[in-house]
Amino acid sequence: MLQAGLQTALRMIYPPQCLACGGLVDQEHGLCAACFAETPFVTGLVCDLCGVPLPGVSEDRVQCDDCMAIGRPWIWGRAPLRYDGVARKLVLALKHGDRHDIVDTAADWMVGSVPQPLASDTVVVPVPLHLTRLLKRRYNQSALLAQALARKLDLQFCPDALRRHRRTASLDGKSRAARFAEVADAITHTPRGAQHLKNRPVLLIDDVMTSGATLAACALACHTAQSREICVMVLARVAKAA
């Protein structure tokens, strides 16, 4: 009774705000009607390996041209959002704006995009930041998403399974080949990762996928640790508008 009263008082003092625009909403950690309508959720046919939206309709799992050309070291990949508009705004706010309030809702969207049940022994692993970047930013947004996702799916979360032992340059503006070259051999599994990843399936988590180069480096590190099947999930997928 007292707790309910306190919550009511807090809502009067601090009414719920839209995660994107800051306008008033009915529920905590939600979007207003206008922002929700402008959020590019991924629906319909997608590439089974990278989650990019595809034209047409099919009951079978399909792959985009990029995935057929370069291959992927994982068995499926998904993203609930296309990296554009409101979605891009939310990702950047989480990544650079200390907006941890976005995490829980983002994780709900990601859970909703999981295409099939995950094995109960799956380990949820975030893409790591280099130590210097982590110290500057103070948190790893991919780890926040991975932790929330693991909690919602009742899976083990292993934040330090992988390590970025070499600081890589920003991948923004680089070609696909340059992206893959930049992160090659930059990520390895840790001793703790070797223990937790061996003979277990892995769900890799990142905030955004562009070329998939960083996720590929992480997946290869998991394979080196003798993981079983690897899947990837990101909050937003860079893709051309349909």
Protein backbone atom coordinates (compact mmCIF):
# COMPACT_ATOMS: atom_id res chain seq x y z
CA MET A 1 0.00 0.00 0.00
CA LEU A 2 2.75 2.39 1.03
CA GLN A 3 4.86 1.39 -1.96
CA ALA A 4 1.96 2.00 -4.34
CA GLY A 5 1.44 5.43 -2.82
CA LEU A 6 5.11 6.30 -3.20
CA GLN A 7 5.06 5.20 -6.83
CA THR A 8 2.00 7.36 -7.50
CA ALA A 9 3.68 10.35 -5.88
CA LEU A 10 6.86 9.81 -7.88
CA ARG A 11 4.87 9.60 -11.12
CA MET A 12 3.26 12.93 -10.28
CA ILE A 13 6.63 14.54 -9.61
CA TYR A 14 8.49 12.74 -12.40
CA PRO A 15 5.91 11.74 -15.03
CA PRO A 16 7.02 9.04 -17.55
CA GLN A 17 8.74 10.46 -20.60
CA CYS A 18 9.18 9.15 -24.13
CA LEU A 19 12.59 7.51 -24.53
CA ALA A 20 13.15 9.32 -27.81
CA CYS A 21 11.67 12.82 -27.59
CA GLY A 22 11.11 13.31 -23.86
CA GLY A 23 7.37 13.92 -24.25
CA LEU A 24 4.90 12.58 -21.70
CA VAL A 25 3.78 8.96 -22.04
CA ASP A 26 1.51 6.64 -20.07
CA GLN A 27 4.12 4.06 -19.08
CA GLU A 28 7.75 4.14 -18.02
CA HIS A 29 10.42 3.35 -20.60
CA GLY A 30 8.13 3.64 -23.61
CA LEU A 31 7.75 5.68 -26.77
CA CYS A 32 5.08 8.24 -27.51
CA ALA A 33 2.70 7.46 -30.37
CA ALA A 34 4.52 9.76 -32.79
CA CYS A 35 7.98 8.33 -32.06
CA PHE A 36 6.69 4.76 -32.12
CA ALA A 37 5.17 5.36 -35.55
CA GLU A 38 8.52 6.72 -36.80
CA THR A 39 10.65 3.92 -35.31
CA PRO A 40 11.88 1.62 -38.12
CA PHE A 41 11.11 -1.79 -36.64
CA VAL A 42 12.31 -4.69 -38.77
CA THR A 43 9.35 -6.73 -39.97
CA GLY A 44 8.67 -9.19 -42.75
CA LEU A 45 11.35 -11.13 -44.59
CA VAL A 46 14.92 -10.80 -43.33
CA CYS A 47 18.28 -12.40 -44.04
CA ASP A 48 18.62 -15.34 -41.68
CA LEU A 49 22.30 -14.65 -41.05
CA CYS A 50 22.48 -10.88 -40.56
CA GLY A 51 18.89 -9.74 -40.03
CA VAL A 52 18.87 -7.21 -42.86
CA PRO A 53 15.35 -6.61 -44.26
CA LEU A 54 14.71 -8.22 -47.65
CA PRO A 55 11.99 -7.66 -50.24
CA GLY A 56 9.38 -10.29 -50.95
CA VAL A 57 7.80 -13.07 -48.95
CA SER A 58 9.11 -16.55 -48.19
CA GLU A 59 8.34 -19.31 -45.72
CA ASP A 60 11.93 -20.52 -46.00
CA ARG A 61 14.95 -18.96 -44.38
CA VAL A 62 16.88 -16.88 -46.90
CA GLN A 63 20.23 -15.12 -47.05
CA CYS A 64 21.17 -11.74 -48.49
CA ASP A 65 23.78 -11.38 -51.23
CA ASP A 66 26.46 -10.20 -48.78
CA CYS A 67 26.05 -13.22 -46.51
CA MET A 68 26.14 -15.60 -49.46
CA ALA A 69 29.29 -13.90 -50.74
CA ILE A 70 31.35 -13.66 -47.56
CA GLY A 71 29.78 -16.24 -45.23
CA ARG A 72 29.22 -15.77 -41.52
CA PRO A 73 30.78 -17.68 -38.60
CA TRP A 74 27.39 -17.98 -36.88
CA ILE A 75 24.11 -19.78 -37.58
CA TRP A 76 21.61 -16.89 -37.39
CA GLY A 77 21.51 -13.17 -36.70
CA ARG A 78 18.70 -10.74 -35.95
CA ALA A 79 17.96 -7.09 -35.15
CA PRO A 80 14.62 -5.58 -34.09
CA LEU A 81 15.41 -2.13 -35.56
CA ARG A 82 16.84 -0.63 -38.72
CA TYR A 83 19.56 1.89 -37.88
CA ASP A 84 17.76 5.02 -38.98
CA GLY A 85 15.58 7.82 -37.62
CA VAL A 86 14.34 7.26 -34.08
CA ALA A 87 16.24 3.98 -33.81
CA ARG A 88 19.54 5.69 -34.62
CA LYS A 89 18.74 8.38 -32.07
CA LEU A 90 18.12 5.76 -29.37
CA VAL A 91 21.29 3.82 -30.19
CA LEU A 92 23.46 6.94 -30.04
CA ALA A 93 21.82 8.06 -26.80
CA LEU A 94 22.59 4.68 -25.24
CA LYS A 95 26.11 4.57 -26.65
CA HIS A 96 27.25 8.12 -25.92
CA GLY A 97 24.62 9.74 -23.72
CA ASP A 98 24.57 7.59 -20.57
CA ARG A 99 20.94 6.73 -21.37
CA HIS A 100 20.79 3.45 -19.44
CA ASP A 101 17.02 3.86 -19.20
CA ILE A 102 16.83 2.69 -22.82
CA VAL A 103 18.34 -0.73 -22.05
CA ASP A 104 15.31 -2.57 -20.67
CA THR A 105 12.97 -1.62 -23.52
CA ALA A 106 15.69 -2.30 -26.10
CA ALA A 107 16.25 -5.75 -24.61
CA ASP A 108 12.50 -6.47 -24.85
CA TRP A 109 12.61 -5.63 -28.56
CA MET A 110 15.63 -7.88 -29.01
CA VAL A 111 13.98 -10.78 -27.18
CA GLY A 112 11.00 -10.40 -29.50
CA SER A 113 13.30 -10.86 -32.51
CA VAL A 114 14.79 -14.18 -31.39
CA PRO A 115 13.69 -16.56 -34.19
CA GLN A 116 13.82 -19.82 -32.25
CA PRO A 117 14.18 -21.11 -28.68
CA LEU A 118 17.71 -20.98 -27.32
CA ALA A 119 19.32 -23.88 -25.49
CA SER A 120 19.24 -23.50 -21.72
CA ASP A 121 23.06 -23.67 -21.53
CA THR A 122 23.53 -20.77 -23.94
CA VAL A 123 26.03 -18.14 -22.78
CA VAL A 124 25.21 -14.50 -23.54
CA VAL A 125 28.39 -12.62 -24.46
CA PRO A 126 28.78 -8.92 -25.32
CA VAL A 127 31.15 -7.51 -27.90
CA PRO A 128 34.03 -6.12 -25.80
CA LEU A 129 35.44 -2.61 -25.76
CA HIS A 130 39.15 -1.94 -25.57
CA LEU A 131 40.17 -0.94 -22.04
CA THR A 132 41.06 2.63 -23.00
CA ARG A 133 37.69 3.15 -24.66
CA LEU A 134 35.88 1.54 -21.73
CA LEU A 135 37.63 3.84 -19.26
CA LYS A 136 36.70 6.88 -21.36
CA ARG A 137 33.05 5.85 -21.81
CA ARG A 138 32.75 4.25 -18.33
CA TYR A 139 30.45 1.48 -19.55
CA ASN A 140 30.00 -0.95 -22.42
CA GLN A 141 26.57 -0.47 -23.97
CA SER A 142 26.71 -3.95 -25.51
CA ALA A 143 27.30 -5.46 -22.07
CA LEU A 144 24.30 -3.58 -20.67
CA LEU A 145 22.11 -4.99 -23.44
CA ALA A 146 23.57 -8.49 -23.02
CA GLN A 147 22.98 -8.46 -19.26
CA ALA A 148 19.35 -7.41 -19.68
CA LEU A 149 18.80 -9.96 -22.44
CA ALA A 150 20.32 -12.77 -20.36
CA ARG A 151 18.04 -11.88 -17.45
CA LYS A 152 14.93 -11.87 -19.61
CA LEU A 153 15.85 -15.17 -21.29
CA ASP A 154 17.08 -16.78 -18.06
CA LEU A 155 20.51 -17.48 -19.53
CA GLN A 156 24.04 -17.11 -18.19
CA PHE A 157 25.69 -13.74 -18.79
CA CYS A 158 29.48 -13.73 -19.19
CA PRO A 159 30.65 -10.11 -19.62
CA ASP A 160 34.37 -10.91 -19.69
CA ALA A 161 34.40 -13.94 -22.00
CA LEU A 162 36.10 -11.92 -24.75
CA ARG A 163 38.79 -9.26 -24.72
CA ARG A 164 39.74 -6.62 -27.30
CA HIS A 165 43.49 -6.75 -26.76
CA ARG A 166 44.29 -4.31 -29.57
CA ARG A 167 42.66 -0.92 -29.86
CA THR A 168 41.10 -0.56 -33.27
CA ALA A 169 40.38 2.62 -35.18
CA SER A 170 36.81 3.73 -35.76
CA LEU A 171 35.15 1.72 -38.50
CA ASP A 172 32.91 4.59 -39.58
CA GLY A 173 33.29 5.35 -43.26
CA LYS A 174 35.51 2.34 -43.98
CA SER A 175 34.77 -0.15 -46.72
CA ARG A 176 33.68 -3.68 -45.87
CA ALA A 177 37.13 -5.07 -46.62
CA ALA A 178 38.79 -2.36 -44.51
CA ARG A 179 36.45 -3.08 -41.60
CA PHE A 180 37.31 -6.78 -41.60
CA ALA A 181 41.03 -6.01 -41.88
CA GLU A 182 40.90 -3.51 -39.01
CA VAL A 183 39.43 -5.97 -36.47
CA ALA A 184 41.31 -9.07 -37.63
CA ASP A 185 43.01 -10.73 -34.63
CA ALA A 186 41.95 -7.84 -32.35
CA ILE A 187 39.61 -9.94 -30.19
CA THR A 188 40.43 -13.09 -28.23
CA HIS A 189 38.76 -15.16 -25.56
CA THR A 190 39.89 -14.73 -21.95
CA PRO A 191 40.88 -17.54 -19.57
CA ARG A 192 37.45 -17.21 -17.98
CA GLY A 193 35.92 -17.29 -21.44
CA ALA A 194 37.77 -20.49 -22.27
CA GLN A 195 36.06 -22.12 -19.27
CA HIS A 196 32.56 -20.84 -19.95
CA LEU A 197 32.47 -21.03 -23.74
CA LYS A 198 33.79 -24.53 -24.33
CA ASN A 199 31.13 -26.92 -25.65
CA ARG A 200 28.36 -24.38 -25.07
CA PRO A 201 26.22 -22.36 -27.49
CA VAL A 202 26.82 -18.60 -27.55
CA LEU A 203 24.58 -15.59 -28.16
CA LEU A 204 26.76 -12.62 -29.15
CA ILE A 205 25.32 -9.16 -28.44
CA ASP A 206 26.18 -5.76 -29.94
CA ASP A 207 24.35 -2.48 -30.37
CA VAL A 208 24.71 -2.10 -34.15
CA MET A 209 25.72 -4.29 -37.09
CA THR A 210 27.06 -2.64 -40.24
CA SER A 211 29.32 -5.08 -42.09
CA GLY A 212 29.41 -7.67 -39.31
CA ALA A 213 33.21 -7.49 -39.10
CA THR A 214 33.39 -7.01 -35.32
CA LEU A 215 30.85 -9.74 -34.66
CA ALA A 216 32.77 -12.06 -36.99
CA ALA A 217 35.97 -11.44 -35.01
CA CYS A 218 34.10 -12.22 -31.80
CA ALA A 219 32.55 -15.36 -33.27
CA LEU A 220 35.95 -16.60 -34.41
CA ALA A 221 37.29 -16.05 -30.87
CA CYS A 222 34.39 -18.14 -29.54
CA HIS A 223 35.16 -20.87 -32.08
CA THR A 224 38.76 -20.84 -30.89
CA ALA A 225 37.41 -21.45 -27.37
CA GLN A 226 35.57 -24.49 -28.85
CA SER A 227 32.06 -23.08 -28.50
CA ARG A 228 29.17 -24.88 -30.12
CA GLU A 229 26.71 -23.02 -32.35
CA ILE A 230 26.95 -19.22 -32.27
CA CYS A 231 24.09 -16.76 -32.86
CA VAL A 232 24.19 -12.96 -32.96
CA MET A 233 21.70 -10.33 -31.90
CA VAL A 234 22.04 -6.56 -32.27
CA LEU A 235 19.70 -3.73 -31.40
CA ALA A 236 19.89 -2.12 -34.85
CA ARG A 237 20.97 -3.21 -38.32
CA VAL A 238 22.41 -0.76 -40.82
CA ALA A 239 20.44 -1.21 -44.04
CA LYS A 240 19.15 0.76 -46.97
CA ALA A 241 15.54 1.83 -46.73
CA ALA A 242 13.21 -0.48 -48.64
